[in-house]
Structure formats: structure tokens, C-alpha cells
Amino acid sequence: MAKKRKTREQKQIADLRHNFTHQIVTNTFEARPVFSKISEKKPVTVTYSAYPYLAKDLTKTFLLTASIIGVQILLFISLKTHLLKIPGISY
């Protein structure tokens, strides 16, 4: 099976990569270390404006949960007082 030959463009790109010249970096060590200035960070405050959907989602969740619990309480009371009878369930 024959090898796939490189195209002229691929050879030119490879030649550019191989002819890269490296620059020598001279390291100089000073007697005193240089410290960068550290600025004080302000405490992050979370506001509701950062999450505008949060209040709406929490309200929907609360209303849905409250309605489910309310239906369960009404079902329990109606079964307990025998207003509603379901065969196989006795309270």
C-alpha cells in the first residue's frame, strides 16, 4: 500500500515550522525580589437583580408545592370523615 504524499502547501507549511528561530532569553537575578502590588478585593454581594428569574421560579415552586399539599390534606380529611370512599382503603 502506497504512502500518502504531502502536497506542496503542506511541505511549505512544514518548512516554515522547521525554520523557526528561537530567541535566547537572558535571566537576570536581582538582589531584591519584586513584589507585585496586591489590591484589596471587595466582598461580592449577591443581589436579586443578578438572578431576575429566581424570585419567579421560587414563587411558582412554592405555589405548586402548596397546592399539592392542600389537595393531599383535603383527600385525607374527606377519607377520614367518610365523605369519599375508595374501595380497598380504610381509615
N, C-alpha and C. Protein backbone atom coordinates (compact mmCIF):
# COMPACT_ATOMS: atom_id res chain seq x y z
N MET A 1 0.85 -1.17 0.00
CA MET A 1 0.00 0.00 0.00
C MET A 1 0.90 1.24 0.00
N ALA A 2 0.64 2.15 -0.88
CA ALA A 2 1.49 3.33 -1.06
C ALA A 2 1.22 4.36 0.05
N LYS A 3 2.28 5.08 0.40
CA LYS A 3 2.14 6.15 1.39
C LYS A 3 1.48 7.36 0.77
N LYS A 4 0.76 8.08 1.57
CA LYS A 4 0.13 9.30 1.09
C LYS A 4 1.19 10.39 1.04
N ARG A 5 1.34 11.01 -0.12
CA ARG A 5 2.36 12.04 -0.27
C ARG A 5 1.83 13.39 0.17
N LYS A 6 2.75 14.21 0.68
CA LYS A 6 2.37 15.56 1.10
C LYS A 6 2.22 16.46 -0.11
N THR A 7 1.30 17.40 0.02
CA THR A 7 1.12 18.38 -1.05
C THR A 7 2.18 19.46 -0.91
N ARG A 8 2.30 20.28 -1.94
CA ARG A 8 3.29 21.36 -1.90
C ARG A 8 2.99 22.33 -0.77
N GLU A 9 1.70 22.63 -0.53
CA GLU A 9 1.34 23.55 0.56
C GLU A 9 1.72 22.97 1.91
N GLN A 10 1.50 21.69 2.10
CA GLN A 10 1.86 21.06 3.37
C GLN A 10 3.37 21.09 3.57
N LYS A 11 4.14 20.90 2.50
CA LYS A 11 5.59 20.96 2.61
C LYS A 11 6.07 22.37 2.95
N GLN A 12 5.45 23.39 2.36
CA GLN A 12 5.84 24.77 2.65
C GLN A 12 5.52 25.12 4.10
N ILE A 13 4.36 24.69 4.59
CA ILE A 13 3.99 24.97 5.98
C ILE A 13 4.95 24.26 6.94
N ALA A 14 5.31 23.03 6.64
CA ALA A 14 6.25 22.29 7.48
C ALA A 14 7.62 22.95 7.45
N ASP A 15 8.04 23.46 6.29
CA ASP A 15 9.32 24.15 6.17
C ASP A 15 9.34 25.40 7.03
N LEU A 16 8.24 26.14 7.06
CA LEU A 16 8.17 27.32 7.92
C LEU A 16 8.28 26.94 9.40
N ARG A 17 7.67 25.84 9.77
CA ARG A 17 7.76 25.38 11.16
C ARG A 17 9.19 24.98 11.53
N HIS A 18 9.87 24.32 10.60
CA HIS A 18 11.22 23.83 10.89
C HIS A 18 12.25 24.95 10.89
N ASN A 19 11.98 26.03 10.19
CA ASN A 19 12.94 27.13 10.12
C ASN A 19 12.67 28.20 11.16
N PHE A 20 11.95 27.88 12.20
CA PHE A 20 11.65 28.84 13.26
C PHE A 20 12.92 29.15 14.03
N THR A 21 13.19 30.42 14.29
CA THR A 21 14.37 30.80 15.06
C THR A 21 13.97 31.07 16.50
N HIS A 22 14.69 30.48 17.39
CA HIS A 22 14.42 30.66 18.81
C HIS A 22 15.19 31.86 19.33
N GLN A 23 14.55 32.62 20.21
CA GLN A 23 15.21 33.76 20.81
C GLN A 23 15.72 33.35 22.18
N ILE A 24 16.91 33.77 22.50
CA ILE A 24 17.51 33.43 23.78
C ILE A 24 17.09 34.48 24.80
N VAL A 25 16.58 34.02 25.93
CA VAL A 25 16.15 34.91 26.99
C VAL A 25 17.22 34.88 28.06
N THR A 26 17.76 36.05 28.37
CA THR A 26 18.78 36.11 29.41
C THR A 26 18.11 36.32 30.75
N ASN A 27 18.44 35.48 31.70
CA ASN A 27 17.86 35.59 33.04
C ASN A 27 18.78 36.44 33.91
N THR A 28 18.22 37.49 34.47
CA THR A 28 18.98 38.32 35.40
C THR A 28 18.32 38.22 36.74
N PHE A 29 19.12 37.94 37.74
CA PHE A 29 18.59 37.81 39.09
C PHE A 29 18.97 39.04 39.89
N GLU A 30 17.98 39.65 40.50
CA GLU A 30 18.23 40.84 41.30
C GLU A 30 18.35 40.44 42.76
N ALA A 31 18.98 41.29 43.54
CA ALA A 31 19.17 41.01 44.96
C ALA A 31 17.84 41.11 45.70
N ARG A 32 17.00 42.07 45.30
CA ARG A 32 15.70 42.24 45.95
C ARG A 32 14.61 41.68 45.04
N PRO A 33 13.73 40.85 45.61
CA PRO A 33 12.62 40.35 44.79
C PRO A 33 11.61 41.46 44.54
N VAL A 34 11.01 41.44 43.41
CA VAL A 34 10.00 42.43 43.05
C VAL A 34 8.64 41.85 43.38
N PHE A 35 7.91 42.54 44.26
CA PHE A 35 6.58 42.09 44.66
C PHE A 35 5.54 42.89 43.90
N SER A 36 4.58 42.21 43.39
CA SER A 36 3.50 42.91 42.70
C SER A 36 2.53 43.45 43.74
N LYS A 37 1.94 44.56 43.43
CA LYS A 37 1.01 45.19 44.35
C LYS A 37 -0.31 44.44 44.34
N ILE A 38 -0.73 44.00 45.51
CA ILE A 38 -1.98 43.26 45.64
C ILE A 38 -3.06 44.25 46.09
N SER A 39 -4.08 44.37 45.27
CA SER A 39 -5.17 45.28 45.62
C SER A 39 -6.19 44.53 46.48
N GLU A 40 -6.85 45.28 47.33
CA GLU A 40 -7.87 44.67 48.19
C GLU A 40 -9.09 44.34 47.36
N LYS A 41 -9.61 43.16 47.58
CA LYS A 41 -10.79 42.74 46.85
C LYS A 41 -12.04 43.11 47.64
N LYS A 42 -13.00 43.62 46.94
CA LYS A 42 -14.27 43.97 47.56
C LYS A 42 -15.09 42.71 47.75
N PRO A 43 -15.83 42.61 48.85
CA PRO A 43 -16.66 41.42 49.03
C PRO A 43 -17.77 41.39 47.98
N VAL A 44 -18.04 40.22 47.50
CA VAL A 44 -19.06 40.05 46.47
C VAL A 44 -20.43 40.01 47.13
N THR A 45 -21.31 40.87 46.68
CA THR A 45 -22.67 40.89 47.21
C THR A 45 -23.61 40.37 46.14
N VAL A 46 -24.42 39.41 46.53
CA VAL A 46 -25.38 38.84 45.60
C VAL A 46 -26.68 39.60 45.74
N THR A 47 -27.12 40.14 44.65
CA THR A 47 -28.39 40.86 44.66
C THR A 47 -29.39 40.09 43.81
N TYR A 48 -30.64 40.37 44.01
CA TYR A 48 -31.68 39.69 43.25
C TYR A 48 -31.68 40.15 41.80
N SER A 49 -31.07 41.30 41.52
CA SER A 49 -31.03 41.74 40.13
C SER A 49 -30.08 40.88 39.30
N ALA A 50 -29.15 40.19 39.98
CA ALA A 50 -28.25 39.29 39.25
C ALA A 50 -29.00 38.05 38.78
N TYR A 51 -30.04 37.65 39.50
CA TYR A 51 -30.85 36.48 39.14
C TYR A 51 -32.31 36.90 39.05
N PRO A 52 -32.73 37.53 37.95
CA PRO A 52 -34.11 38.03 37.88
C PRO A 52 -35.15 36.92 37.83
N TYR A 53 -34.76 35.73 37.39
CA TYR A 53 -35.70 34.62 37.27
C TYR A 53 -35.87 33.87 38.59
N LEU A 54 -35.02 34.13 39.57
CA LEU A 54 -35.03 33.36 40.81
C LEU A 54 -36.32 33.56 41.59
N ALA A 55 -36.76 34.78 41.78
CA ALA A 55 -37.97 35.05 42.55
C ALA A 55 -39.19 34.44 41.86
N LYS A 56 -39.25 34.53 40.55
CA LYS A 56 -40.39 33.97 39.81
C LYS A 56 -40.42 32.45 39.93
N ASP A 57 -39.25 31.81 39.79
CA ASP A 57 -39.18 30.35 39.90
C ASP A 57 -39.52 29.88 41.30
N LEU A 58 -39.03 30.59 42.30
CA LEU A 58 -39.33 30.19 43.69
C LEU A 58 -40.82 30.35 43.99
N THR A 59 -41.44 31.40 43.45
CA THR A 59 -42.87 31.60 43.66
C THR A 59 -43.67 30.47 43.02
N LYS A 60 -43.31 30.10 41.80
CA LYS A 60 -44.01 29.01 41.12
C LYS A 60 -43.85 27.70 41.89
N THR A 61 -42.64 27.44 42.36
CA THR A 61 -42.38 26.21 43.11
C THR A 61 -43.18 26.17 44.40
N PHE A 62 -43.22 27.30 45.11
CA PHE A 62 -43.97 27.37 46.36
C PHE A 62 -45.46 27.15 46.12
N LEU A 63 -46.02 27.79 45.10
CA LEU A 63 -47.45 27.64 44.82
C LEU A 63 -47.79 26.21 44.40
N LEU A 64 -46.97 25.59 43.59
CA LEU A 64 -47.21 24.21 43.17
C LEU A 64 -47.14 23.26 44.37
N THR A 65 -46.12 23.43 45.21
CA THR A 65 -45.98 22.57 46.39
C THR A 65 -47.14 22.76 47.36
N ALA A 66 -47.55 24.02 47.58
CA ALA A 66 -48.66 24.30 48.48
C ALA A 66 -49.96 23.70 47.95
N SER A 67 -50.19 23.77 46.65
CA SER A 67 -51.41 23.21 46.10
C SER A 67 -51.42 21.67 46.20
N ILE A 68 -50.29 21.03 45.99
CA ILE A 68 -50.22 19.57 46.12
C ILE A 68 -50.47 19.15 47.56
N ILE A 69 -49.86 19.86 48.51
CA ILE A 69 -50.07 19.52 49.92
C ILE A 69 -51.51 19.78 50.31
N GLY A 70 -52.11 20.87 49.80
CA GLY A 70 -53.52 21.17 50.10
C GLY A 70 -54.46 20.09 49.58
N VAL A 71 -54.21 19.59 48.37
CA VAL A 71 -55.05 18.52 47.82
C VAL A 71 -54.89 17.25 48.65
N GLN A 72 -53.69 16.96 49.10
CA GLN A 72 -53.48 15.78 49.93
C GLN A 72 -54.20 15.89 51.27
N ILE A 73 -54.19 17.08 51.86
CA ILE A 73 -54.90 17.28 53.13
C ILE A 73 -56.40 17.13 52.93
N LEU A 74 -56.95 17.74 51.85
CA LEU A 74 -58.38 17.60 51.58
C LEU A 74 -58.77 16.14 51.33
N LEU A 75 -57.95 15.40 50.61
CA LEU A 75 -58.21 13.99 50.36
C LEU A 75 -58.18 13.20 51.66
N PHE A 76 -57.22 13.49 52.52
CA PHE A 76 -57.13 12.79 53.80
C PHE A 76 -58.35 13.06 54.66
N ILE A 77 -58.77 14.33 54.73
CA ILE A 77 -59.93 14.68 55.57
C ILE A 77 -61.20 14.05 55.01
N SER A 78 -61.35 14.09 53.68
CA SER A 78 -62.57 13.50 53.10
C SER A 78 -62.59 11.98 53.29
N LEU A 79 -61.45 11.31 53.26
CA LEU A 79 -61.40 9.88 53.51
C LEU A 79 -61.62 9.58 55.00
N LYS A 80 -61.10 10.43 55.86
CA LYS A 80 -61.23 10.20 57.31
C LYS A 80 -62.67 10.37 57.77
N THR A 81 -63.39 11.33 57.20
CA THR A 81 -64.78 11.57 57.59
C THR A 81 -65.76 10.76 56.75
N HIS A 82 -65.26 9.89 55.89
CA HIS A 82 -66.05 9.00 55.04
C HIS A 82 -66.94 9.76 54.05
N LEU A 83 -66.52 10.96 53.66
CA LEU A 83 -67.23 11.67 52.59
C LEU A 83 -66.90 11.05 51.23
N LEU A 84 -65.71 10.51 51.15
CA LEU A 84 -65.26 9.88 49.94
C LEU A 84 -64.78 8.47 50.29
N LYS A 85 -65.29 7.51 49.56
CA LYS A 85 -64.93 6.12 49.85
C LYS A 85 -64.23 5.51 48.63
N ILE A 86 -63.03 5.00 48.88
CA ILE A 86 -62.28 4.32 47.83
C ILE A 86 -62.15 2.86 48.26
N PRO A 87 -62.61 1.93 47.42
CA PRO A 87 -62.53 0.52 47.82
C PRO A 87 -61.08 0.07 48.06
N GLY A 88 -60.86 -0.65 49.14
CA GLY A 88 -59.55 -1.17 49.49
C GLY A 88 -58.77 -0.26 50.40
N ILE A 89 -59.24 0.97 50.64
CA ILE A 89 -58.57 1.89 51.55
C ILE A 89 -59.49 2.14 52.73
N SER A 90 -58.96 1.89 53.92
CA SER A 90 -59.77 2.13 55.12
C SER A 90 -59.03 3.06 56.06
N TYR A 91 -59.73 4.06 56.56
CA TYR A 91 -59.17 4.99 57.54
C TYR A 91 -60.02 4.96 58.78
